[in-house]
C-alpha atoms as a PDB file:
ATOM      1  CA  MET A   1       5.678  -2.431  -8.509  1.00  0.00           C
ATOM      2  CA  ASP A   2       2.951  -3.883 -11.477  1.00  0.00           C
ATOM      3  CA  ASN A   3       0.350  -1.266 -11.099  1.00  0.00           C
ATOM      4  CA  ALA A   4      -2.756  -2.346 -13.469  1.00  0.00           C
ATOM      5  CA  ALA A   5      -1.514  -6.236 -12.043  1.00  0.00           C
ATOM      6  CA  PHE A   6      -1.088  -4.574  -8.379  1.00  0.00           C
ATOM      7  CA  LEU A   7      -4.606  -2.306  -8.851  1.00  0.00           C
ATOM      8  CA  ALA A   8      -6.452  -5.716 -10.332  1.00  0.00           C
ATOM      9  CA  GLN A   9      -5.759  -7.666  -7.655  1.00  0.00           C
ATOM     10  CA  VAL A  10      -7.140  -4.991  -5.028  1.00  0.00           C
ATOM     11  CA  GLU A  11     -10.321  -4.876  -7.202  1.00  0.00           C
ATOM     12  CA  ASP A  12     -10.648  -8.590  -7.030  1.00  0.00           C
ATOM     13  CA  TYR A  13     -10.807  -8.270  -3.353  1.00  0.00           C
ATOM     14  CA  HIS A  14     -13.232  -6.044  -3.655  1.00  0.00           C
ATOM     15  CA  GLN A  15     -15.584  -7.516  -5.565  1.00  0.00           C
ATOM     16  CA  ALA A  16     -15.107 -11.371  -3.863  1.00  0.00           C
ATOM     17  CA  GLY A  17     -15.997  -9.049  -0.433  1.00  0.00           C
ATOM     18  CA  TRP A  18     -13.368  -8.786   1.934  1.00  0.00           C
ATOM     19  CA  ARG A  19     -12.691  -5.633   3.494  1.00  0.00           C
ATOM     20  CA  LEU A  20      -9.494  -3.665   3.590  1.00  0.00           C
ATOM     21  CA  SER A  21      -7.717  -4.314   6.478  1.00  0.00           C
ATOM     22  CA  VAL A  22      -4.644  -2.635   7.201  1.00  0.00           C
ATOM     23  CA  ILE A  23      -2.330  -0.741   5.626  1.00  0.00           C
ATOM     24  CA  ASN A  24       1.088  -0.723   6.854  1.00  0.00           C
ATOM     25  CA  ALA A  25       5.099   0.518   5.385  1.00  0.00           C
ATOM     26  CA  THR A  26       8.594  -0.198   6.892  1.00  0.00           C
ATOM     27  CA  THR A  27      11.700   1.594   6.233  1.00  0.00           C
ATOM     28  CA  ILE A  28      13.581  -0.818   5.583  1.00  0.00           C
ATOM     29  CA  MET A  29      17.781  -0.193   7.526  1.00  0.00           C
ATOM     30  CA  PRO A  30      20.511   0.009   5.869  1.00  0.00           C
ATOM     31  CA  GLY A  31      22.166  -3.283   5.232  1.00  0.00           C
ATOM     32  CA  ALA A  32      18.798  -5.509   7.079  1.00  0.00           C
ATOM     33  CA  GLY A  33      19.159  -7.725   3.438  1.00  0.00           C
ATOM     34  CA  GLU A  34      21.513  -7.822   0.271  1.00  0.00           C
ATOM     35  CA  GLY A  35      20.492  -6.332  -2.297  1.00  0.00           C
ATOM     36  CA  MET A  36      18.058  -4.117  -0.438  1.00  0.00           C
ATOM     37  CA  GLU A  37      17.514  -0.002  -1.730  1.00  0.00           C
ATOM     38  CA  GLN A  38      18.856   2.299   1.389  1.00  0.00           C
ATOM     39  CA  GLY A  39      15.605   4.352   1.736  1.00  0.00           C
ATOM     40  CA  ALA A  40      13.727   1.548   1.152  1.00  0.00           C
ATOM     41  CA  PHE A  41       9.881   0.429   2.538  1.00  0.00           C
ATOM     42  CA  ASP A  42       7.817  -2.227   2.841  1.00  0.00           C
ATOM     43  CA  VAL A  43       3.744  -1.995   2.179  1.00  0.00           C
ATOM     44  CA  ALA A  44       2.073  -4.596   3.275  1.00  0.00           C
ATOM     45  CA  TRP A  45      -1.909  -4.307   1.927  1.00  0.00           C
ATOM     46  CA  ALA A  46      -4.128  -6.612   4.597  1.00  0.00           C
ATOM     47  CA  PHE A  47      -7.500  -7.797   2.909  1.00  0.00           C
ATOM     48  CA  ALA A  48     -10.131  -9.553   5.649  1.00  0.00           C
ATOM     49  CA  ARG A  49     -13.640 -12.148   4.701  1.00  0.00           C
ATOM     50  CA  GLY A  50     -14.523 -13.777   7.908  1.00  0.00           C
ATOM     51  CA  ALA A  51     -11.735 -16.044   9.013  1.00  0.00           C
ATOM     52  CA  GLU A  52      -9.379 -16.114   6.142  1.00  0.00           C
ATOM     53  CA  PHE A  53      -6.960 -13.114   5.528  1.00  0.00           C
ATOM     54  CA  GLU A  54      -4.559 -11.742   3.211  1.00  0.00           C
ATOM     55  CA  THR A  55      -1.497  -9.401   2.468  1.00  0.00           C
ATOM     56  CA  ILE A  56       0.189  -7.687  -0.873  1.00  0.00           C
ATOM     57  CA  ARG A  57       3.437  -7.394   0.069  1.00  0.00           C
ATOM     58  CA  GLU A  58       5.379  -4.732  -1.594  1.00  0.00           C
ATOM     59  CA  ARG A  59       8.895  -3.338  -2.368  1.00  0.00           C
ATOM     60  CA  VAL A  60       8.806  -0.093  -2.837  1.00  0.00           C
ATOM     61  CA  ALA A  61      11.642   1.990  -3.675  1.00  0.00           C
ATOM     62  CA  PRO A  62      12.289   6.187  -2.779  1.00  0.00           C
ATOM     63  CA  SER A  63      10.953   6.863  -5.888  1.00  0.00           C
ATOM     64  CA  GLU A  64       9.197   4.464  -6.627  1.00  0.00           C
ATOM     65  CA  GLU A  65       4.931   5.573  -7.172  1.00  0.00           C
ATOM     66  CA  VAL A  66       1.715   3.254  -5.203  1.00  0.00           C
ATOM     67  CA  PRO A  67      -1.173   4.015  -6.689  1.00  0.00           C
ATOM     68  CA  SER A  68      -3.922   4.103  -4.505  1.00  0.00           C
ATOM     69  CA  ILE A  69      -6.973   1.735  -3.350  1.00  0.00           C
ATOM     70  CA  SER A  70      -9.267   4.306  -2.993  1.00  0.00           C
ATOM     71  CA  GLY A  71     -10.717   3.830  -5.567  1.00  0.00           C
ATOM     72  CA  SER A  72     -11.932  -0.279  -4.551  1.00  0.00           C
ATOM     73  CA  PHE A  73     -11.766   0.400  -1.097  1.00  0.00           C
ATOM     74  CA  ALA A  74     -12.508   4.305   0.450  1.00  0.00           C
ATOM     75  CA  ALA A  75     -11.667   3.835   3.957  1.00  0.00           C
ATOM     76  CA  ALA A  76      -8.483   3.660   2.393  1.00  0.00           C
ATOM     77  CA  PHE A  77      -7.315   7.592   2.157  1.00  0.00           C
ATOM     78  CA  LEU A  78      -6.711   7.667   6.080  1.00  0.00           C
ATOM     79  CA  TYR A  79      -4.077   4.866   5.507  1.00  0.00           C
ATOM     80  CA  GLU A  80      -2.626   6.361   2.246  1.00  0.00           C
ATOM     81  CA  ASN A  81      -2.673  10.596   3.535  1.00  0.00           C
ATOM     82  CA  GLU A  82       0.124   8.966   6.460  1.00  0.00           C
ATOM     83  CA  MET A  83       1.927   6.755   4.000  1.00  0.00           C
ATOM     84  CA  ARG A  84       2.515   9.831   2.526  1.00  0.00           C
ATOM     85  CA  GLU A  85       3.020  12.480   5.439  1.00  0.00           C
ATOM     86  CA  LEU A  86       5.178   9.826   7.535  1.00  0.00           C
ATOM     87  CA  PHE A  87       7.009   7.609   5.047  1.00  0.00           C
ATOM     88  CA  GLY A  88       7.290  10.358   1.811  1.00  0.00           C
ATOM     89  CA  ILE A  89       5.944   7.568   0.082  1.00  0.00           C
ATOM     90  CA  ASN A  90       4.263   9.274  -3.165  1.00  0.00           C
ATOM     91  CA  VAL A  91       0.488   8.214  -3.267  1.00  0.00           C
ATOM     92  CA  THR A  92      -0.595   8.554  -5.875  1.00  0.00           C
ATOM     93  CA  GLY A  93      -4.409   9.393  -6.844  1.00  0.00           C
ATOM     94  CA  LEU A  94      -5.456   9.306  -3.442  1.00  0.00           C
ATOM     95  CA  GLY A  95      -9.468   9.723  -3.173  1.00  0.00           C
ATOM     96  CA  LEU A  96      -9.505  12.276  -0.387  1.00  0.00           C
ATOM     97  CA  ASP A  97      -5.413  14.551  -0.791  1.00  0.00           C
ATOM     98  CA  LEU A  98      -5.240  15.598   3.250  1.00  0.00           C
ATOM     99  CA  LYS A  99      -2.261  17.870   1.770  1.00  0.00           C
ATOM    100  CA  GLN A 100      -0.550  18.074   4.956  1.00  0.00           C
END
């Protein structure tokens, strides 16, 4: 994951008036596809503006850091704390870290 490019794209959504709709994390099951790292995650950030809906999807390795988008979308901290607590995804730079 290219963190700088990802954060720039998220900020572009913010500047263009999009809202954060949902962040979803899914565990990739072993054997689900060729070339998938065991224990990896698919993470999707969905944004909405009027009737438009767009998603950024990234494959995240268990050892990889995922930057928080709470600097652009403050409410993201809720999803991001859950990603860390429920999946063990290392989200860095949380706007509000609940440490649970």
